[in-house]
Amino acid sequence: MSVIRKASVFAAVLLGFCVGTAHAQDAIAVDVPFPFVAGHMEFAAGRYLIHAIDYVSSVIEIEGITHPSSTAFLQTNALYGTDPAGDQPSLVFTRGENGYRLAQIWDSTSEGRELSGVRIPPRDGRAGAQGNARPEEAYVIAANWR
């Protein structure tokens, strides 16, 4: 990695810590009852805090409360629509053959974040042309503001 890129990443993380501290009241606390994958990291079932580190570049932090060594910084994309849990924050997971994967984080009734590369299955849950293949399913877990 070049020196300029390392310096840029370091500056973004440093700025993110400052912004994250200023927005600590915007953290979402959630109990996830199953192990899951977010980005390329595996997380055990447990309680997590999720908050925006940098609103400009859409970086979020997932911080383990029951598993303090489980922390990750993830790049997300803006998501607009309707929060599946109504007026409280929520996380949307997909469940496939390889387990659960975090797909979306909703922090308001109409705005959220989505992790790139994770597809939400259609609502009817049909396997489609795959015949007997088990379809992916979406699971919504309601969260709380912290």
Foldseek 3Di string as FASTA:
>chain_A
DDPVVVVVVVVLQVQLVVVCVVVVQLKWKFFAQAWEAEDHDIDGGGIWIKDASDPVQQWIWIAGPVDRVDIDIAGWDKDFDAQPVHAFWKWKWKQFPVGIYTAWTDSGGTITIGGPPDDADDPVQDPPPPPPHGGIHMDMGTIHGD
